[in-house]
Amino acid sequence: MFDNNSDQKPHVDVVEVRNRQIAAVHSISRHLSSTLDLDDRLRDILNVSLKAVQASAGTIYVHKPETNSLIFQFVVGDNADKLVGRSMKDNEGVVGSVFHSGKGHITNEPQLTPDHKTDVGTIVGFATKSIMTVPLKFEEGTPVGVMQVLNKQVGEFDFYDLEVLEIIASIAASAIQNARLAKEAQMAAVAHAVGDLSHDIKNKMTPISLAVDTLQPTVEKTLSDLDDIIEDAPADVADKIRAATNYLRMDYIEQFSMIQDQVKEVQTFTQRIADAQKGAISEPLIEPHDLNEIIDKQMKSLAHVAERKDINIVLNLSDIPIFKLDKFLVERAVYNLVNNAIPETPDHGTITVTTKAVTGGTFPDGEYVSIEVSDNGRGM
């Protein structure tokens, strides 16, 4: 095991070491100037690091403060795909120790080290012979993650290897922070644009709502005038007028109401999107509602879309007691399921929406309400 605190340094060609350090800095600087994408940066950082210290494999862990964990963000080595995305507590093993201490660490005999974790090696079937671990941090800053390289190809990791890796890690920390700041700036710009778009959509929807408000009394006045004409018209003419206006008489109130509801929903959706971009996520509004009534209303709004493909929407709704739910989320889920099923269902096909309440027993075997959407399409 190499003692990090020892003043004795192995005898090496110092010029060769300095050349390696300079080459690594030039290489990492060149790579980092070519992209702001965090994953691309991490890949380049790790690959340059492995080459600089002649290691066989390695991992960059990025810290996630909200869960006190370190995420396997980028991995190079055998079966690396099995590790990417996994997480560990930020106080576990050598990686956790280096993260909290902010000091690099070399272990050339990991099996003799008490805090060496073997579970990761077991997962990927990788035998660890030597390890070098450094924090990803600014000179006096809090680490944003950890970089660890494994198995030096020739000999053991030494002080000069640690120096090289710490130089790269310092540059890497800055790169990660810059990528995060760029992402935050991008998201802020998107949030601003979405906010403006939300406002524009509301403005565009207002004339539609006003047009419906104006059109409905106009239709009612027209139908009233036609009724007056029917009274004085010959029977055959009166019958033709009734037949021509029958569908409108039966349907116009519901259609106008549906348009007004859709206008309100579009405005609600755009506002929620704008709020979400700003980080204001709406909490579920759990209130008593009639589930079947919610579903019936959503299916009526999709009826004309289905009719264009001669698709039949069948409602198989059981007696469901009033219970507490988030009306907005249920409406959205049911509408999207059926709306997505329509283009995937062949002409003359059927989409069935079924509800069921199981009031006995305990969840998940009982005490639940289910909504099932099925069709005779090609499936997903």
Protein backbone atom coordinates (compact mmCIF):
# COMPACT_ATOMS: atom_id res chain seq x y z
CA MET A 1 0.00 0.00 0.00
CA PHE A 2 1.25 3.47 -0.87
CA ASP A 3 1.26 5.99 1.98
CA ASN A 4 -0.21 9.27 0.74
CA ASN A 5 1.32 11.20 3.62
CA SER A 6 4.86 9.93 3.21
CA ASP A 7 7.59 12.42 2.29
CA GLN A 8 9.46 9.68 0.46
CA LYS A 9 8.66 9.66 -3.24
CA PRO A 10 9.62 6.86 -5.59
CA HIS A 11 12.57 7.53 -7.87
CA VAL A 12 11.27 8.35 -11.35
CA ASP A 13 12.22 10.44 -14.34
CA VAL A 14 10.77 13.78 -13.20
CA VAL A 15 11.03 15.28 -16.70
CA GLU A 16 8.96 12.40 -18.09
CA VAL A 17 6.38 12.92 -15.34
CA ARG A 18 6.12 16.66 -16.03
CA ASN A 19 5.74 15.94 -19.74
CA ARG A 20 2.89 13.59 -18.91
CA GLN A 21 1.25 16.26 -16.77
CA ILE A 22 1.57 18.92 -19.47
CA ALA A 23 0.30 16.53 -22.16
CA ALA A 24 -2.68 15.60 -20.00
CA VAL A 25 -3.56 19.26 -19.37
CA HIS A 26 -3.29 20.09 -23.07
CA SER A 27 -5.38 17.08 -24.01
CA ILE A 28 -8.13 17.68 -21.48
CA SER A 29 -8.26 21.41 -22.29
CA ARG A 30 -8.61 20.64 -25.99
CA HIS A 31 -11.43 18.17 -25.38
CA LEU A 32 -13.29 20.40 -22.93
CA SER A 33 -13.23 23.40 -25.24
CA SER A 34 -15.07 21.41 -27.91
CA THR A 35 -18.32 20.69 -26.03
CA LEU A 36 -20.53 21.83 -23.16
CA ASP A 37 -22.38 18.50 -23.01
CA LEU A 38 -21.72 17.04 -19.55
CA ASP A 39 -21.64 13.40 -20.65
CA ASP A 40 -19.21 14.19 -23.47
CA ARG A 41 -17.00 16.07 -21.04
CA LEU A 42 -16.98 13.24 -18.52
CA ARG A 43 -16.12 10.69 -21.18
CA ASP A 44 -13.20 12.80 -22.40
CA ILE A 45 -12.00 13.50 -18.86
CA LEU A 46 -11.96 9.83 -17.94
CA ASN A 47 -10.30 8.65 -21.14
CA VAL A 48 -7.54 11.27 -20.84
CA SER A 49 -7.04 10.31 -17.19
CA LEU A 50 -6.69 6.60 -17.94
CA LYS A 51 -4.12 7.32 -20.64
CA ALA A 52 -2.18 9.77 -18.46
CA VAL A 53 -1.66 7.33 -15.56
CA GLN A 54 -1.73 4.12 -17.66
CA ALA A 55 -4.81 2.69 -15.91
CA SER A 56 -7.05 -0.04 -17.31
CA ALA A 57 -10.48 1.11 -16.10
CA GLY A 58 -12.12 3.94 -14.25
CA THR A 59 -15.24 5.68 -13.05
CA ILE A 60 -16.43 9.24 -12.61
CA TYR A 61 -18.95 9.62 -9.80
CA VAL A 62 -21.11 12.74 -9.69
CA HIS A 63 -22.51 13.82 -6.33
CA LYS A 64 -26.27 14.12 -5.87
CA PRO A 65 -26.74 16.30 -2.75
CA GLU A 66 -30.50 15.75 -2.40
CA THR A 67 -29.99 12.01 -1.78
CA ASN A 68 -26.45 12.12 -0.30
CA SER A 69 -25.32 9.72 -2.99
CA LEU A 70 -22.64 9.32 -5.63
CA ILE A 71 -23.84 8.29 -9.09
CA PHE A 72 -21.78 6.16 -11.50
CA GLN A 73 -22.02 8.82 -14.22
CA PHE A 74 -19.42 7.49 -16.63
CA VAL A 75 -17.51 4.21 -16.57
CA VAL A 76 -14.74 2.78 -18.75
CA GLY A 77 -13.88 -0.90 -18.47
CA ASP A 78 -15.33 -4.37 -18.82
CA ASN A 79 -19.14 -4.50 -18.43
CA ALA A 80 -19.23 -0.74 -17.81
CA ASP A 81 -22.88 -0.60 -18.91
CA LYS A 82 -23.85 -2.59 -15.80
CA LEU A 83 -22.62 0.21 -13.56
CA VAL A 84 -23.68 3.43 -15.30
CA GLY A 85 -26.59 4.98 -13.40
CA ARG A 86 -26.04 2.97 -10.22
CA SER A 87 -25.59 4.88 -6.98
CA MET A 88 -23.92 4.49 -3.61
CA LYS A 89 -24.08 6.43 -0.37
CA ASP A 90 -21.56 9.26 -0.35
CA ASN A 91 -19.99 7.96 2.88
CA GLU A 92 -19.30 4.41 1.67
CA GLY A 93 -15.92 2.91 0.88
CA VAL A 94 -12.78 4.60 -0.36
CA VAL A 95 -14.83 6.72 -2.78
CA GLY A 96 -16.97 8.11 0.04
CA SER A 97 -13.92 8.72 2.21
CA VAL A 98 -12.15 10.66 -0.56
CA PHE A 99 -15.31 12.65 -1.33
CA HIS A 100 -15.66 13.86 2.26
CA SER A 101 -11.96 14.35 3.02
CA GLY A 102 -11.23 16.07 -0.28
CA LYS A 103 -7.87 14.26 -0.44
CA GLY A 104 -6.61 11.80 -3.04
CA HIS A 105 -5.85 8.22 -2.08
CA ILE A 106 -3.77 5.38 -3.53
CA THR A 107 -4.38 1.75 -2.67
CA ASN A 108 -2.04 -0.73 -4.33
CA GLU A 109 -3.30 -3.65 -2.24
CA PRO A 110 -7.06 -3.05 -2.02
CA GLN A 111 -7.83 -6.50 -0.61
CA LEU A 112 -5.92 -5.52 2.53
CA THR A 113 -7.87 -2.28 2.95
CA PRO A 114 -10.82 -2.48 5.41
CA ASP A 115 -13.02 0.04 3.59
CA HIS A 116 -12.51 -1.47 0.13
CA LYS A 117 -15.90 -2.41 -1.33
CA THR A 118 -15.88 -5.62 -3.37
CA ASP A 119 -19.53 -5.62 -4.43
CA VAL A 120 -18.97 -3.46 -7.51
CA GLY A 121 -16.18 -5.71 -8.77
CA THR A 122 -18.39 -8.72 -8.17
CA ILE A 123 -21.21 -7.20 -10.26
CA VAL A 124 -19.02 -6.75 -13.34
CA GLY A 125 -16.59 -9.61 -12.71
CA PHE A 126 -13.61 -7.24 -12.49
CA ALA A 127 -10.57 -8.06 -10.36
CA THR A 128 -9.22 -4.91 -8.70
CA LYS A 129 -5.44 -4.92 -8.18
CA SER A 130 -4.73 -1.22 -7.61
CA ILE A 131 -6.85 1.88 -7.10
CA MET A 132 -6.29 5.60 -7.24
CA THR A 133 -9.10 7.92 -6.16
CA VAL A 134 -9.25 11.72 -6.26
CA PRO A 135 -11.99 14.26 -5.49
CA LEU A 136 -13.43 16.38 -8.28
CA LYS A 137 -13.21 19.82 -6.72
CA PHE A 138 -11.88 23.34 -7.07
CA GLU A 139 -8.78 24.34 -5.14
CA GLU A 140 -10.66 25.13 -1.93
CA GLY A 141 -14.15 24.11 -2.92
CA THR A 142 -16.59 21.37 -2.03
CA PRO A 143 -16.18 18.27 -4.22
CA VAL A 144 -18.75 17.83 -6.98
CA GLY A 145 -17.83 14.18 -7.38
CA VAL A 146 -15.01 11.66 -7.40
CA MET A 147 -12.78 10.11 -10.07
CA GLN A 148 -11.36 6.64 -9.55
CA VAL A 149 -8.98 4.72 -11.81
CA LEU A 150 -8.11 1.04 -11.49
CA ASN A 151 -5.29 -1.36 -12.25
CA LYS A 152 -2.13 0.36 -13.46
CA GLN A 153 -0.95 -1.49 -16.54
CA VAL A 154 2.72 -1.58 -15.50
CA GLY A 155 3.88 -1.43 -11.88
CA GLU A 156 1.90 0.40 -9.19
CA PHE A 157 0.29 3.81 -8.86
CA ASP A 158 2.65 6.33 -7.25
CA PHE A 159 2.82 9.92 -6.01
CA TYR A 160 3.44 11.31 -9.47
CA ASP A 161 0.42 9.47 -10.87
CA LEU A 162 -1.61 11.05 -8.09
CA GLU A 163 -0.28 14.48 -9.01
CA VAL A 164 -1.28 14.00 -12.65
CA LEU A 165 -4.76 12.79 -11.71
CA GLU A 166 -5.32 15.64 -9.26
CA ILE A 167 -4.43 18.20 -11.94
CA ILE A 168 -6.92 16.63 -14.34
CA ALA A 169 -9.53 16.36 -11.57
CA SER A 170 -9.24 20.07 -10.78
CA ILE A 171 -9.83 20.95 -14.44
CA ALA A 172 -12.64 18.36 -14.59
CA ALA A 173 -14.42 19.88 -11.59
CA SER A 174 -14.41 23.25 -13.29
CA ALA A 175 -15.70 21.66 -16.50
CA ILE A 176 -18.53 19.90 -14.68
CA GLN A 177 -19.49 23.10 -12.90
CA ASN A 178 -19.42 25.07 -16.16
CA ALA A 179 -21.57 22.43 -17.86
CA ARG A 180 -24.07 22.61 -15.00
CA LEU A 181 -24.16 26.40 -15.14
CA ALA A 182 -24.65 26.27 -18.90
CA LYS A 183 -27.48 23.78 -18.45
CA GLU A 184 -29.09 25.97 -15.79
CA ALA A 185 -28.79 29.01 -18.07
CA GLN A 186 -30.33 27.01 -20.90
CA MET A 187 -33.20 25.85 -18.70
CA ALA A 188 -33.74 29.41 -17.50
CA ALA A 189 -33.96 30.56 -21.13
CA VAL A 190 -36.39 27.74 -21.91
CA ALA A 191 -38.48 28.62 -18.86
CA HIS A 192 -38.60 32.24 -19.98
CA ALA A 193 -39.58 31.22 -23.52
CA VAL A 194 -42.23 28.80 -22.27
CA GLY A 195 -43.60 31.49 -19.97
CA ASP A 196 -43.90 33.88 -22.92
CA LEU A 197 -45.42 31.12 -25.05
CA SER A 198 -47.92 30.29 -22.31
CA HIS A 199 -48.98 33.92 -22.23
CA ASP A 200 -49.27 33.99 -26.04
CA ILE A 201 -51.37 30.82 -26.10
CA LYS A 202 -53.76 32.27 -23.53
CA ASN A 203 -54.11 35.37 -25.68
CA LYS A 204 -54.73 33.27 -28.80
CA MET A 205 -57.35 31.14 -27.02
CA THR A 206 -59.33 34.16 -25.79
CA PRO A 207 -60.82 35.01 -29.22
CA ILE A 208 -61.93 31.38 -29.60
CA SER A 209 -63.77 31.56 -26.30
CA LEU A 210 -65.34 34.90 -27.22
CA ALA A 211 -66.34 33.58 -30.66
CA VAL A 212 -68.17 30.65 -29.05
CA ASP A 213 -69.91 33.00 -26.63
CA THR A 214 -71.03 35.09 -29.60
CA LEU A 215 -71.90 32.17 -31.87
CA GLN A 216 -74.11 30.30 -29.42
CA PRO A 217 -76.81 33.01 -29.11
CA THR A 218 -76.58 33.54 -32.88
CA VAL A 219 -77.33 29.85 -33.47
CA GLU A 220 -80.18 29.99 -30.96
CA LYS A 221 -81.64 33.06 -32.70
CA THR A 222 -81.32 31.34 -36.10
CA LEU A 223 -83.12 28.22 -34.86
CA SER A 224 -85.86 30.38 -33.34
CA ASP A 225 -86.34 32.20 -36.66
CA LEU A 226 -86.50 28.87 -38.47
CA ASP A 227 -89.17 27.70 -36.03
CA ASP A 228 -91.24 30.75 -36.99
CA ILE A 229 -90.76 29.89 -40.68
CA ILE A 230 -91.74 26.26 -40.06
CA GLU A 231 -95.05 27.34 -38.55
CA ASP A 232 -96.10 29.13 -41.77
CA ALA A 233 -94.37 26.79 -44.26
CA PRO A 234 -95.97 23.91 -46.17
CA ALA A 235 -95.63 20.56 -44.40
CA ASP A 236 -93.03 19.17 -46.82
CA VAL A 237 -90.86 22.30 -46.51
CA ALA A 238 -91.23 22.29 -42.72
CA ASP A 239 -90.15 18.63 -42.59
CA LYS A 240 -87.06 19.39 -44.69
CA ILE A 241 -86.08 22.29 -42.43
CA ARG A 242 -86.52 20.15 -39.32
CA ALA A 243 -84.42 17.35 -40.84
CA ALA A 244 -81.70 19.78 -41.92
CA THR A 245 -81.43 21.37 -38.48
CA ASN A 246 -82.12 18.34 -36.30
CA TYR A 247 -78.46 17.44 -35.65
CA LEU A 248 -77.59 21.04 -34.88
CA ARG A 249 -80.49 21.34 -32.43
CA MET A 250 -79.45 18.21 -30.56
CA ASP A 251 -75.72 18.85 -30.52
CA TYR A 252 -74.81 22.52 -30.56
CA ILE A 253 -75.03 23.21 -26.80
CA GLU A 254 -72.80 20.24 -25.99
CA GLN A 255 -70.33 21.13 -28.76
CA PHE A 256 -70.02 24.75 -27.64
CA SER A 257 -69.58 23.60 -24.05
CA MET A 258 -66.88 21.16 -25.17
CA ILE A 259 -64.98 23.90 -27.00
CA GLN A 260 -65.07 26.14 -23.93
CA ASP A 261 -63.83 23.27 -21.75
CA GLN A 262 -60.99 22.51 -24.18
CA VAL A 263 -59.97 26.18 -24.22
CA LYS A 264 -59.77 26.18 -20.43
CA GLU A 265 -57.78 22.93 -20.41
CA VAL A 266 -55.27 24.24 -22.95
CA GLN A 267 -54.78 27.34 -20.82
CA THR A 268 -54.35 25.17 -17.72
CA PHE A 269 -51.82 22.92 -19.48
CA THR A 270 -49.73 25.81 -20.72
CA GLN A 271 -49.72 27.41 -17.28
CA ARG A 272 -48.61 24.16 -15.66
CA ILE A 273 -45.83 23.76 -18.21
CA ALA A 274 -44.65 27.31 -17.56
CA ASP A 275 -44.76 26.73 -13.80
CA ALA A 276 -42.88 23.43 -14.10
CA GLN A 277 -40.11 25.08 -16.12
CA LYS A 278 -39.73 27.58 -13.29
CA GLY A 279 -39.57 24.75 -10.74
CA ALA A 280 -43.09 25.27 -9.38
CA ILE A 281 -44.61 21.80 -9.57
CA SER A 282 -48.32 21.66 -8.75
CA GLU A 283 -49.16 19.35 -5.87
CA PRO A 284 -51.89 16.77 -6.55
CA LEU A 285 -55.34 18.15 -5.72
CA ILE A 286 -57.07 15.20 -4.10
CA GLU A 287 -60.83 15.77 -3.92
CA PRO A 288 -64.00 13.65 -4.18
CA HIS A 289 -65.05 13.07 -7.81
CA ASP A 290 -67.20 10.80 -9.94
CA LEU A 291 -64.68 8.79 -11.97
CA ASN A 292 -67.19 7.60 -14.56
CA GLU A 293 -68.35 11.17 -15.16
CA ILE A 294 -64.76 12.27 -15.75
CA ILE A 295 -64.16 9.44 -18.23
CA ASP A 296 -67.46 10.01 -20.04
CA LYS A 297 -66.63 13.69 -20.55
CA GLN A 298 -63.17 12.94 -21.91
CA MET A 299 -64.51 10.34 -24.33
CA LYS A 300 -67.11 12.77 -25.67
CA SER A 301 -64.32 15.18 -26.54
CA LEU A 302 -62.61 12.38 -28.52
CA ALA A 303 -65.74 11.06 -30.18
CA HIS A 304 -65.35 13.10 -33.38
CA VAL A 305 -61.67 12.13 -33.68
CA ALA A 306 -62.65 8.46 -33.47
CA GLU A 307 -65.55 8.86 -35.89
CA ARG A 308 -63.22 10.09 -38.64
CA LYS A 309 -61.60 6.65 -38.64
CA ASP A 310 -64.93 4.90 -38.04
CA ILE A 311 -63.64 3.71 -34.66
CA ASN A 312 -66.12 2.90 -31.94
CA ILE A 313 -65.31 3.97 -28.36
CA VAL A 314 -67.12 1.63 -25.97
CA LEU A 315 -67.57 2.59 -22.31
CA ASN A 316 -67.87 -0.33 -19.94
CA LEU A 317 -68.28 1.60 -16.71
CA SER A 318 -69.14 -0.20 -13.47
CA ASP A 319 -70.81 1.38 -10.47
CA ILE A 320 -67.96 3.33 -8.88
CA PRO A 321 -68.48 5.11 -5.56
CA ILE A 322 -67.38 8.72 -5.27
CA PHE A 323 -63.79 8.77 -4.06
CA LYS A 324 -60.86 11.16 -3.78
CA LEU A 325 -58.57 11.65 -6.78
CA ASP A 326 -56.71 14.31 -8.73
CA LYS A 327 -59.19 15.18 -11.49
CA PHE A 328 -56.59 16.84 -13.73
CA LEU A 329 -54.18 13.88 -13.66
CA VAL A 330 -56.92 11.28 -14.27
CA GLU A 331 -58.39 13.29 -17.15
CA ARG A 332 -54.96 13.62 -18.68
CA ALA A 333 -54.13 9.91 -18.32
CA VAL A 334 -57.42 8.63 -19.77
CA TYR A 335 -57.49 11.17 -22.61
CA ASN A 336 -53.89 10.39 -23.65
CA LEU A 337 -54.38 6.62 -23.52
CA VAL A 338 -57.41 6.71 -25.80
CA ASN A 339 -56.08 9.49 -28.04
CA ASN A 340 -52.86 7.50 -28.57
CA ALA A 341 -54.86 4.34 -29.27
CA ILE A 342 -56.96 5.92 -32.06
CA PRO A 343 -54.21 6.16 -34.74
CA GLU A 344 -52.97 2.67 -33.85
CA THR A 345 -56.42 1.07 -34.15
CA PRO A 346 -57.50 -0.09 -37.63
CA ASP A 347 -60.52 1.49 -39.30
CA HIS A 348 -63.82 0.10 -38.00
CA GLY A 349 -61.99 -1.01 -34.84
CA THR A 350 -63.02 -0.69 -31.21
CA ILE A 351 -61.47 0.98 -28.17
CA THR A 352 -62.95 -0.07 -24.84
CA VAL A 353 -62.63 1.82 -21.57
CA THR A 354 -63.49 -0.27 -18.52
CA THR A 355 -63.74 0.79 -14.88
CA LYS A 356 -63.94 -1.51 -11.90
CA ALA A 357 -64.04 -1.02 -8.13
CA VAL A 358 -62.89 -3.72 -5.72
CA THR A 359 -64.08 -2.61 -2.30
CA GLY A 360 -63.24 -5.70 -0.26
CA GLY A 361 -59.87 -6.89 1.01
CA THR A 362 -56.68 -4.85 1.18
CA PHE A 363 -54.55 -3.26 -1.52
CA PRO A 364 -53.19 -4.50 -3.90
CA ASP A 365 -55.69 -7.38 -3.87
CA GLY A 366 -58.60 -5.15 -2.89
CA GLU A 367 -59.65 -1.61 -1.99
CA TYR A 368 -58.79 -0.17 -5.39
CA VAL A 369 -60.36 1.27 -8.53
CA SER A 370 -58.99 0.30 -11.93
CA ILE A 371 -59.24 1.97 -15.34
CA GLU A 372 -58.46 -0.25 -18.32
CA VAL A 373 -58.11 0.90 -21.93
CA SER A 374 -58.02 -1.85 -24.54
CA ASP A 375 -58.24 -1.91 -28.33
CA ASN A 376 -57.82 -4.27 -31.27
CA GLY A 377 -54.86 -2.36 -32.67
CA ARG A 378 -51.32 -3.58 -33.17
CA GLY A 379 -50.26 -2.86 -29.57
CA MET A 380 -47.07 -1.29 -28.26
